[in-house]
Amino acid sequence: MPDEYFTSIEAALQVVEKFASRLTVGDAAGHVRRSVDELCTAVTTKEGIEPAVDRLLRGLRGLDDASAARRRREVGHETPAVDRLLDAVQEELLPALRRAGYQV
């Protein structure tokens, strides 16, 4: 992988890590944080990136579904960390991985 792709992926991962660290405590949030750690390791070792991305995306979907249910019950309750994390993954991380040739 060319250095420019690796640098782009690392920058996107730093943003994702920042927002993942802001998640509240809980099983779903813990799963997402562990998935982010696993993805960082996979990128560093350049192995198993696609399965790590898949686990992260599944964890985010579950976390987003739980947040949406909570928002419906508690009008005005926002979860900016989840929203920002989803945006970072969709707008920065996934495009960087695709530019590097990963099928995610």
C-alpha atoms as a PDB file:
ATOM      1  CA  MET A   1       0.000   0.000   0.000  1.00  0.00           C
ATOM      2  CA  PRO A   2       1.480   3.398  -0.944  1.00  0.00           C
ATOM      3  CA  ASP A   3       2.390   5.662   1.968  1.00  0.00           C
ATOM      4  CA  GLU A   4      -0.176   8.279   0.933  1.00  0.00           C
ATOM      5  CA  TYR A   5      -3.004   5.762   1.369  1.00  0.00           C
ATOM      6  CA  PHE A   6      -1.641   4.572   4.701  1.00  0.00           C
ATOM      7  CA  THR A   7      -1.335   8.182   5.924  1.00  0.00           C
ATOM      8  CA  SER A   8      -4.923   8.904   4.863  1.00  0.00           C
ATOM      9  CA  ILE A   9      -6.206   5.782   6.620  1.00  0.00           C
ATOM     10  CA  GLU A  10      -4.255   6.603   9.784  1.00  0.00           C
ATOM     11  CA  ALA A  11      -5.671  10.145   9.840  1.00  0.00           C
ATOM     12  CA  ALA A  12      -9.211   8.826   9.443  1.00  0.00           C
ATOM     13  CA  LEU A  13      -8.614   6.254  12.191  1.00  0.00           C
ATOM     14  CA  GLN A  14      -7.445   8.988  14.556  1.00  0.00           C
ATOM     15  CA  VAL A  15     -10.729  10.833  14.037  1.00  0.00           C
ATOM     16  CA  VAL A  16     -12.699   7.614  14.541  1.00  0.00           C
ATOM     17  CA  GLU A  17     -10.729   6.818  17.722  1.00  0.00           C
ATOM     18  CA  LYS A  18     -11.374  10.302  19.081  1.00  0.00           C
ATOM     19  CA  PHE A  19     -15.139   9.997  18.705  1.00  0.00           C
ATOM     20  CA  ALA A  20     -15.187   6.371  19.903  1.00  0.00           C
ATOM     21  CA  SER A  21     -13.470   7.476  23.114  1.00  0.00           C
ATOM     22  CA  ARG A  22     -16.359   9.868  23.761  1.00  0.00           C
ATOM     23  CA  LEU A  23     -19.010   7.152  23.772  1.00  0.00           C
ATOM     24  CA  THR A  24     -20.813   6.513  27.017  1.00  0.00           C
ATOM     25  CA  VAL A  25     -20.172   3.388  29.042  1.00  0.00           C
ATOM     26  CA  GLY A  26     -22.123   0.315  28.044  1.00  0.00           C
ATOM     27  CA  ASP A  27     -21.877  -3.020  26.281  1.00  0.00           C
ATOM     28  CA  ALA A  28     -22.640  -1.667  22.802  1.00  0.00           C
ATOM     29  CA  ALA A  29     -20.238   1.264  23.175  1.00  0.00           C
ATOM     30  CA  GLY A  30     -17.561  -1.070  24.544  1.00  0.00           C
ATOM     31  CA  HIS A  31     -18.002  -3.349  21.535  1.00  0.00           C
ATOM     32  CA  VAL A  32     -17.530  -0.381  19.199  1.00  0.00           C
ATOM     33  CA  ARG A  33     -14.402   0.775  21.052  1.00  0.00           C
ATOM     34  CA  ARG A  34     -12.935  -2.746  20.890  1.00  0.00           C
ATOM     35  CA  SER A  35     -13.776  -2.906  17.184  1.00  0.00           C
ATOM     36  CA  VAL A  36     -11.960   0.391  16.596  1.00  0.00           C
ATOM     37  CA  ASP A  37      -8.918  -0.966  18.460  1.00  0.00           C
ATOM     38  CA  GLU A  38      -9.056  -4.153  16.392  1.00  0.00           C
ATOM     39  CA  LEU A  39      -9.249  -2.157  13.175  1.00  0.00           C
ATOM     40  CA  CYS A  40      -6.256  -0.032  14.207  1.00  0.00           C
ATOM     41  CA  THR A  41      -4.261  -3.212  14.806  1.00  0.00           C
ATOM     42  CA  ALA A  42      -5.415  -4.668  11.477  1.00  0.00           C
ATOM     43  CA  VAL A  43      -4.316  -1.537   9.611  1.00  0.00           C
ATOM     44  CA  THR A  44      -0.946  -1.521  11.354  1.00  0.00           C
ATOM     45  CA  THR A  45      -0.303  -5.185  10.542  1.00  0.00           C
ATOM     46  CA  LYS A  46      -2.044  -4.872   7.146  1.00  0.00           C
ATOM     47  CA  GLU A  47      -4.032  -8.032   7.870  1.00  0.00           C
ATOM     48  CA  GLY A  48      -7.719  -8.722   8.367  1.00  0.00           C
ATOM     49  CA  ILE A  49      -8.938  -5.214   7.596  1.00  0.00           C
ATOM     50  CA  GLU A  50     -12.217  -6.176   5.910  1.00  0.00           C
ATOM     51  CA  PRO A  51     -13.469  -8.393   8.789  1.00  0.00           C
ATOM     52  CA  ALA A  52     -12.460  -5.710  11.301  1.00  0.00           C
ATOM     53  CA  VAL A  53     -14.382  -3.055   9.337  1.00  0.00           C
ATOM     54  CA  ASP A  54     -17.399  -5.372   9.154  1.00  0.00           C
ATOM     55  CA  ARG A  55     -17.398  -5.862  12.946  1.00  0.00           C
ATOM     56  CA  LEU A  56     -17.077  -2.107  13.479  1.00  0.00           C
ATOM     57  CA  LEU A  57     -19.973  -1.370  11.125  1.00  0.00           C
ATOM     58  CA  ARG A  58     -22.191  -3.985  12.797  1.00  0.00           C
ATOM     59  CA  GLY A  59     -21.353  -2.520  16.196  1.00  0.00           C
ATOM     60  CA  LEU A  60     -22.126   0.988  14.986  1.00  0.00           C
ATOM     61  CA  ARG A  61     -25.467  -0.110  13.544  1.00  0.00           C
ATOM     62  CA  GLY A  62     -26.401  -1.652  16.876  1.00  0.00           C
ATOM     63  CA  LEU A  63     -25.275   1.425  18.768  1.00  0.00           C
ATOM     64  CA  ASP A  64     -27.131   3.720  16.371  1.00  0.00           C
ATOM     65  CA  ASP A  65     -30.320   1.634  16.686  1.00  0.00           C
ATOM     66  CA  ALA A  66     -30.098   1.809  20.490  1.00  0.00           C
ATOM     67  CA  SER A  67     -29.519   5.573  20.338  1.00  0.00           C
ATOM     68  CA  ALA A  68     -32.473   6.064  17.998  1.00  0.00           C
ATOM     69  CA  ALA A  69     -34.744   4.100  20.331  1.00  0.00           C
ATOM     70  CA  ARG A  70     -33.555   6.204  23.268  1.00  0.00           C
ATOM     71  CA  ARG A  71     -34.176   9.440  21.324  1.00  0.00           C
ATOM     72  CA  ARG A  72     -37.731   8.340  20.555  1.00  0.00           C
ATOM     73  CA  ARG A  73     -38.381   7.762  24.262  1.00  0.00           C
ATOM     74  CA  GLU A  74     -36.615  10.902  25.460  1.00  0.00           C
ATOM     75  CA  VAL A  75     -37.571  13.789  23.203  1.00  0.00           C
ATOM     76  CA  GLY A  76     -34.645  16.145  22.749  1.00  0.00           C
ATOM     77  CA  HIS A  77     -32.059  13.619  23.948  1.00  0.00           C
ATOM     78  CA  GLU A  78     -29.129  13.817  21.539  1.00  0.00           C
ATOM     79  CA  THR A  79     -26.195  11.490  21.097  1.00  0.00           C
ATOM     80  CA  PRO A  80     -23.644  13.624  19.288  1.00  0.00           C
ATOM     81  CA  ALA A  81     -20.745  11.212  19.884  1.00  0.00           C
ATOM     82  CA  VAL A  82     -22.559   8.395  18.070  1.00  0.00           C
ATOM     83  CA  ASP A  83     -23.576  10.679  15.215  1.00  0.00           C
ATOM     84  CA  ARG A  84     -20.064  12.096  14.855  1.00  0.00           C
ATOM     85  CA  LEU A  85     -18.542   8.632  14.982  1.00  0.00           C
ATOM     86  CA  LEU A  86     -20.899   7.397  12.254  1.00  0.00           C
ATOM     87  CA  ASP A  87     -20.064  10.435  10.128  1.00  0.00           C
ATOM     88  CA  ALA A  88     -16.309   9.914  10.606  1.00  0.00           C
ATOM     89  CA  VAL A  89     -16.564   6.275   9.572  1.00  0.00           C
ATOM     90  CA  GLN A  90     -18.791   6.949   6.567  1.00  0.00           C
ATOM     91  CA  GLU A  91     -17.176  10.156   5.323  1.00  0.00           C
ATOM     92  CA  GLU A  92     -13.507   9.618   6.173  1.00  0.00           C
ATOM     93  CA  LEU A  93     -12.535   6.058   7.040  1.00  0.00           C
ATOM     94  CA  LEU A  94     -14.468   4.033   4.465  1.00  0.00           C
ATOM     95  CA  PRO A  95     -13.503   6.293   1.521  1.00  0.00           C
ATOM     96  CA  ALA A  96      -9.825   6.175   2.591  1.00  0.00           C
ATOM     97  CA  LEU A  97      -9.933   2.371   2.773  1.00  0.00           C
ATOM     98  CA  ARG A  98     -11.657   2.136  -0.625  1.00  0.00           C
ATOM     99  CA  ARG A  99      -9.067   4.412  -2.244  1.00  0.00           C
ATOM    100  CA  ALA A 100      -6.401   2.029  -0.935  1.00  0.00           C
ATOM    101  CA  GLY A 101      -8.216  -0.847  -2.660  1.00  0.00           C
ATOM    102  CA  TYR A 102     -10.008  -2.501   0.236  1.00  0.00           C
ATOM    103  CA  GLN A 103     -13.435  -3.961  -0.441  1.00  0.00           C
ATOM    104  CA  VAL A 104     -15.351  -2.395   2.434  1.00  0.00           C
END
